[in-house]
Amino acid sequence: MALLDQFLLSLALVSVVTGHGTVTRPAMRENPSMRTLYCPWCQGSREACDPTSTRKCSPPTPCWGAKPGTMILKKYFGKRKDVVMPDGTPWIATGEGSIPTWCPGDVVPVHTFVNADHNGVYRWESQLASPGKETEKAFVNFTSWASINQDPNADFYAEDGKTKLTPGKCYKPGKCVDWSPHCAHCRNNAFFNTSLTIPSNMPAGETVLRWFWYGAMTTDGVRVHGPEHSLFVNCKDVVIGTAEQCRKSRKANYDTLV
């Protein structure tokens, strides 16, 4: 009976984590409970949000079980861990090193991988908090919603990391030819690269950043039908430097992007 229970639990976990996307660079928090599925970056669910509800859709915990102070090692990305961009830059961060110090005004390169595309939108949020002390109500967004698969400020690539994808088009095994917000699985197994600017007025101190992706939503916050009404999150622990700290170490090293 114990074996049967374990099997059913594994099926349930697979159901929960199927279809995730994640920030791959810089390295985000790891979820150790997902190591048995070789997916420590799976924080979310493909059916988390009721489109008929008037209540905000929020994760069960602010960072959905990811362990404070950790970073995902690239080995957990399996066959994709060594994929590089056309210029040779790794798509996935090493995940090695200590919690970084970033400064207001810094422009941080960001890479993302979407395993199963639920369409929808993502944004960045933050709060002043030590790792593990974050609360749901304290997160405040500092970017607007952007399309997870058609962001005009991003470049999109196939799973090989080098084949550039055409804007407005879907790719097999997607169910559509041309993109619309109602299209499910337009771009499965795709990378994209963009950047994140740390606001000039972001307060100094220990900070938790959160990448927040709603499936089946438009950039003006309207829910649509077609893709799964999913929710996925990634958190990253950083220190936002004071003016003095930033003067001393203004040349930030983003070569490894931990």
Protein backbone atom coordinates (compact mmCIF):
# COMPACT_ATOMS: atom_id res chain seq x y z
CA MET A 1 0.00 0.00 0.00
CA ALA A 2 2.88 2.34 0.81
CA LEU A 3 4.31 1.82 -2.67
CA LEU A 4 0.95 2.61 -4.23
CA ASP A 5 0.66 5.78 -2.16
CA GLN A 6 4.15 6.82 -3.22
CA PHE A 7 3.30 6.20 -6.87
CA LEU A 8 0.10 8.25 -6.65
CA LEU A 9 2.00 11.05 -4.96
CA SER A 10 4.59 11.09 -7.74
CA LEU A 11 1.81 11.35 -10.32
CA ALA A 12 0.29 14.24 -8.41
CA LEU A 13 3.62 16.05 -8.28
CA VAL A 14 4.13 15.59 -12.01
CA SER A 15 0.67 17.06 -12.58
CA VAL A 16 1.50 20.06 -10.43
CA VAL A 17 4.81 20.88 -12.08
CA THR A 18 4.02 20.05 -15.70
CA GLY A 19 4.37 23.06 -17.93
CA HIS A 20 6.65 25.33 -15.99
CA GLY A 21 8.79 28.18 -17.14
CA THR A 22 11.65 29.64 -15.16
CA VAL A 23 14.28 32.33 -15.13
CA THR A 24 17.52 30.51 -15.91
CA ARG A 25 19.92 33.44 -15.60
CA PRO A 26 20.40 34.84 -12.98
CA ALA A 27 19.93 31.70 -10.89
CA MET A 28 16.74 31.74 -8.83
CA ARG A 29 15.89 29.92 -5.60
CA GLU A 30 15.87 26.12 -5.71
CA ASN A 31 12.96 23.95 -4.61
CA PRO A 32 14.70 20.91 -3.04
CA SER A 33 11.42 18.95 -2.80
CA MET A 34 11.41 18.72 -6.60
CA ARG A 35 14.86 17.14 -6.93
CA THR A 36 13.38 13.65 -7.32
CA LEU A 37 11.63 14.91 -10.45
CA TYR A 38 14.83 16.55 -11.69
CA CYS A 39 12.93 19.81 -11.66
CA PRO A 40 13.96 21.96 -8.66
CA TRP A 41 12.78 25.03 -10.53
CA CYS A 42 9.13 23.93 -10.66
CA GLN A 43 7.28 26.39 -8.44
CA GLY A 44 3.70 26.56 -9.60
CA SER A 45 0.69 24.83 -11.08
CA ARG A 46 -0.89 24.75 -14.51
CA GLU A 47 -4.42 25.08 -13.05
CA ALA A 48 -3.81 27.45 -10.13
CA CYS A 49 -6.14 30.32 -11.01
CA ASP A 50 -9.93 30.24 -11.28
CA PRO A 51 -10.78 32.61 -14.14
CA THR A 52 -14.27 33.23 -12.69
CA SER A 53 -12.99 34.26 -9.27
CA THR A 54 -12.90 37.90 -8.18
CA ARG A 55 -10.14 37.16 -5.67
CA LYS A 56 -6.45 37.63 -6.45
CA CYS A 57 -4.72 34.43 -7.52
CA SER A 58 -1.74 33.94 -5.21
CA PRO A 59 0.68 31.07 -4.55
CA PRO A 60 0.18 28.97 -1.38
CA THR A 61 3.41 30.49 -0.04
CA PRO A 62 5.10 33.62 -1.42
CA CYS A 63 7.87 31.67 -3.17
CA TRP A 64 5.95 28.38 -3.55
CA GLY A 65 8.25 26.21 -1.47
CA ALA A 66 11.59 27.40 -2.81
CA LYS A 67 14.28 27.35 -0.13
CA PRO A 68 15.47 30.78 1.09
CA GLY A 69 19.07 31.69 0.36
CA THR A 70 19.58 28.98 -2.27
CA MET A 71 20.25 29.15 -6.00
CA ILE A 72 19.48 26.54 -8.63
CA LEU A 73 22.57 24.73 -9.86
CA LYS A 74 22.69 24.33 -13.62
CA LYS A 75 23.07 20.54 -13.33
CA TYR A 76 19.38 20.32 -12.50
CA PHE A 77 18.47 21.48 -15.99
CA GLY A 78 19.52 18.15 -17.47
CA LYS A 79 20.23 18.11 -21.18
CA ARG A 80 19.74 21.89 -21.39
CA LYS A 81 22.38 22.80 -18.79
CA ASP A 82 25.13 23.52 -21.34
CA VAL A 83 23.03 25.15 -24.09
CA VAL A 84 24.55 28.42 -25.28
CA MET A 85 23.36 31.47 -27.19
CA PRO A 86 24.60 32.21 -30.74
CA ASP A 87 27.42 34.32 -29.25
CA GLY A 88 28.45 31.50 -26.89
CA THR A 89 26.91 32.97 -23.72
CA PRO A 90 25.40 30.23 -21.51
CA TRP A 91 21.61 30.29 -21.31
CA ILE A 92 21.71 28.91 -17.76
CA ALA A 93 23.61 30.36 -14.80
CA THR A 94 25.95 28.21 -12.76
CA GLY A 95 24.02 28.81 -9.54
CA GLU A 96 27.31 28.98 -7.64
CA GLY A 97 28.36 31.81 -5.38
CA SER A 98 26.86 33.97 -2.67
CA ILE A 99 23.86 36.28 -2.58
CA PRO A 100 24.76 39.15 -4.95
CA THR A 101 24.69 42.88 -4.31
CA TRP A 102 22.92 44.85 -7.03
CA CYS A 103 22.66 48.61 -7.30
CA PRO A 104 19.81 50.92 -8.28
CA GLY A 105 20.10 51.58 -12.00
CA ASP A 106 21.86 48.30 -12.77
CA VAL A 107 20.68 46.55 -15.92
CA VAL A 108 20.70 42.80 -15.31
CA PRO A 109 20.58 40.41 -18.28
CA VAL A 110 17.75 37.90 -17.87
CA HIS A 111 17.27 34.54 -19.59
CA THR A 112 14.08 32.50 -19.34
CA PHE A 113 13.07 28.99 -20.41
CA VAL A 114 9.44 28.00 -21.01
CA ASN A 115 8.88 24.25 -20.99
CA ALA A 116 5.13 24.25 -21.74
CA ASP A 117 3.65 27.50 -22.91
CA HIS A 118 0.45 28.58 -21.15
CA ASN A 119 0.66 31.96 -22.87
CA GLY A 120 -0.13 34.84 -20.54
CA VAL A 121 2.06 37.47 -18.92
CA TYR A 122 4.87 37.92 -16.42
CA ARG A 123 6.24 40.76 -14.30
CA TRP A 124 8.84 41.41 -11.60
CA GLU A 125 7.99 42.17 -7.97
CA SER A 126 10.08 42.94 -4.88
CA GLN A 127 10.04 43.62 -1.16
CA LEU A 128 12.58 44.49 1.53
CA ALA A 129 13.02 41.23 3.44
CA SER A 130 15.63 38.76 4.58
CA PRO A 131 15.56 35.37 2.81
CA GLY A 132 12.53 33.47 4.09
CA LYS A 133 10.94 36.50 5.76
CA GLU A 134 8.98 37.59 2.70
CA THR A 135 5.18 37.87 2.83
CA GLU A 136 2.63 37.77 0.05
CA LYS A 137 1.08 41.16 0.81
CA ALA A 138 4.46 42.94 0.84
CA PHE A 139 5.34 42.12 -2.79
CA VAL A 140 4.99 45.15 -5.07
CA ASN A 141 5.53 45.00 -8.81
CA PHE A 142 8.18 47.27 -10.32
CA THR A 143 7.65 46.26 -13.95
CA SER A 144 4.52 46.14 -16.07
CA TRP A 145 3.03 42.92 -17.46
CA ALA A 146 4.89 41.57 -20.50
CA SER A 147 3.92 38.71 -22.81
CA ILE A 148 5.61 35.42 -21.95
CA ASN A 149 6.06 34.55 -25.62
CA GLN A 150 5.72 37.80 -27.62
CA ASP A 151 7.51 40.42 -25.50
CA PRO A 152 8.81 43.03 -27.99
CA ASN A 153 11.78 43.70 -25.71
CA ALA A 154 12.95 40.07 -25.82
CA ASP A 155 14.54 37.74 -28.37
CA PHE A 156 13.13 34.21 -28.55
CA TYR A 157 15.00 31.03 -29.47
CA ALA A 158 14.23 27.35 -29.96
CA GLU A 159 15.41 24.70 -27.48
CA ASP A 160 18.82 24.52 -29.18
CA GLY A 161 19.41 28.08 -27.95
CA LYS A 162 20.53 29.31 -31.38
CA THR A 163 17.54 29.11 -33.74
CA LYS A 164 15.76 32.46 -33.54
CA LEU A 165 11.95 32.40 -33.54
CA THR A 166 9.85 34.75 -35.66
CA PRO A 167 7.60 37.21 -33.80
CA GLY A 168 3.89 36.42 -34.05
CA LYS A 169 4.45 32.78 -35.03
CA CYS A 170 3.89 29.55 -33.15
CA TYR A 171 6.00 26.41 -33.47
CA LYS A 172 5.36 22.69 -33.27
CA PRO A 173 4.08 21.05 -31.15
CA GLY A 174 2.05 24.24 -30.69
CA LYS A 175 -1.62 24.17 -31.58
CA CYS A 176 -1.69 27.42 -33.56
CA VAL A 177 0.09 28.86 -36.57
CA ASP A 178 -0.28 32.53 -35.69
CA TRP A 179 -0.16 33.86 -32.14
CA SER A 180 -3.17 35.04 -30.16
CA PRO A 181 -3.68 35.28 -26.37
CA HIS A 182 -6.14 32.37 -26.69
CA CYS A 183 -3.52 30.01 -28.11
CA ALA A 184 -2.26 27.27 -25.81
CA HIS A 185 1.26 25.87 -26.25
CA CYS A 186 2.33 28.32 -28.92
CA ARG A 187 6.01 27.96 -28.03
CA ASN A 188 6.94 24.97 -25.93
CA ASN A 189 10.59 24.44 -24.96
CA ALA A 190 11.73 27.94 -25.90
CA PHE A 191 14.31 30.32 -24.45
CA PHE A 192 14.14 34.09 -24.44
CA ASN A 193 16.51 36.81 -23.31
CA THR A 194 15.74 40.29 -22.09
CA SER A 195 16.95 42.52 -19.24
CA LEU A 196 15.82 43.83 -15.88
CA THR A 197 16.57 47.38 -14.73
CA ILE A 198 16.82 47.81 -10.98
CA PRO A 199 14.76 50.96 -10.22
CA SER A 200 16.72 54.03 -9.17
CA ASN A 201 14.47 54.41 -6.13
CA MET A 202 14.64 50.80 -4.93
CA PRO A 203 15.50 50.92 -1.21
CA ALA A 204 18.79 49.49 0.04
CA GLY A 205 18.93 46.30 2.05
CA GLU A 206 18.13 42.60 1.85
CA THR A 207 15.55 42.16 -0.88
CA VAL A 208 13.48 39.33 -2.31
CA LEU A 209 12.76 39.60 -6.03
CA ARG A 210 9.95 37.58 -7.58
CA TRP A 211 9.28 36.65 -11.20
CA PHE A 212 5.52 36.12 -11.45
CA TRP A 213 3.82 34.45 -14.45
CA TYR A 214 0.06 34.22 -14.95
CA GLY A 215 -1.09 31.94 -17.78
CA ALA A 216 -4.06 32.86 -19.98
CA MET A 217 -3.96 36.61 -19.38
CA THR A 218 -3.40 39.67 -21.55
CA THR A 219 -0.99 42.48 -20.70
CA ASP A 220 -3.90 44.65 -19.51
CA GLY A 221 -4.84 42.01 -16.91
CA VAL A 222 -7.81 40.42 -18.70
CA ARG A 223 -8.16 36.64 -18.38
CA VAL A 224 -8.80 34.64 -21.53
CA HIS A 225 -9.90 31.09 -22.35
CA GLY A 226 -7.80 28.56 -24.24
CA PRO A 227 -4.51 28.17 -22.34
CA GLU A 228 -4.41 26.73 -18.83
CA HIS A 229 -5.04 29.29 -16.07
CA SER A 230 -1.66 28.67 -14.50
CA LEU A 231 0.54 30.46 -12.01
CA PHE A 232 4.31 30.05 -11.68
CA VAL A 233 6.78 31.99 -9.58
CA ASN A 234 10.54 32.20 -9.04
CA CYS A 235 12.23 34.12 -6.21
CA LYS A 236 15.75 35.48 -5.92
CA ASP A 237 17.51 36.80 -2.83
CA VAL A 238 19.70 39.85 -3.39
CA VAL A 239 21.10 42.81 -1.50
CA ILE A 240 20.37 46.23 -2.92
CA GLY A 241 23.46 48.29 -2.25
CA THR A 242 23.65 51.64 -0.50
CA ALA A 243 25.05 54.64 -2.36
CA GLU A 244 28.41 54.06 -0.68
CA GLN A 245 28.46 50.33 -1.44
CA CYS A 246 27.60 51.01 -5.05
CA ARG A 247 30.31 53.63 -5.47
CA LYS A 248 32.87 51.10 -4.27
CA SER A 249 31.68 48.25 -6.46
CA ARG A 250 29.90 49.91 -9.34
CA LYS A 251 31.47 47.52 -11.81
CA ALA A 252 29.06 44.64 -11.17
CA ASN A 253 30.15 41.25 -12.44
CA TYR A 254 27.31 39.68 -14.43
CA ASP A 255 29.55 37.17 -16.20
CA THR A 256 28.32 34.30 -14.01
CA LEU A 257 25.01 35.88 -12.99
CA VAL A 258 24.44 33.86 -9.86
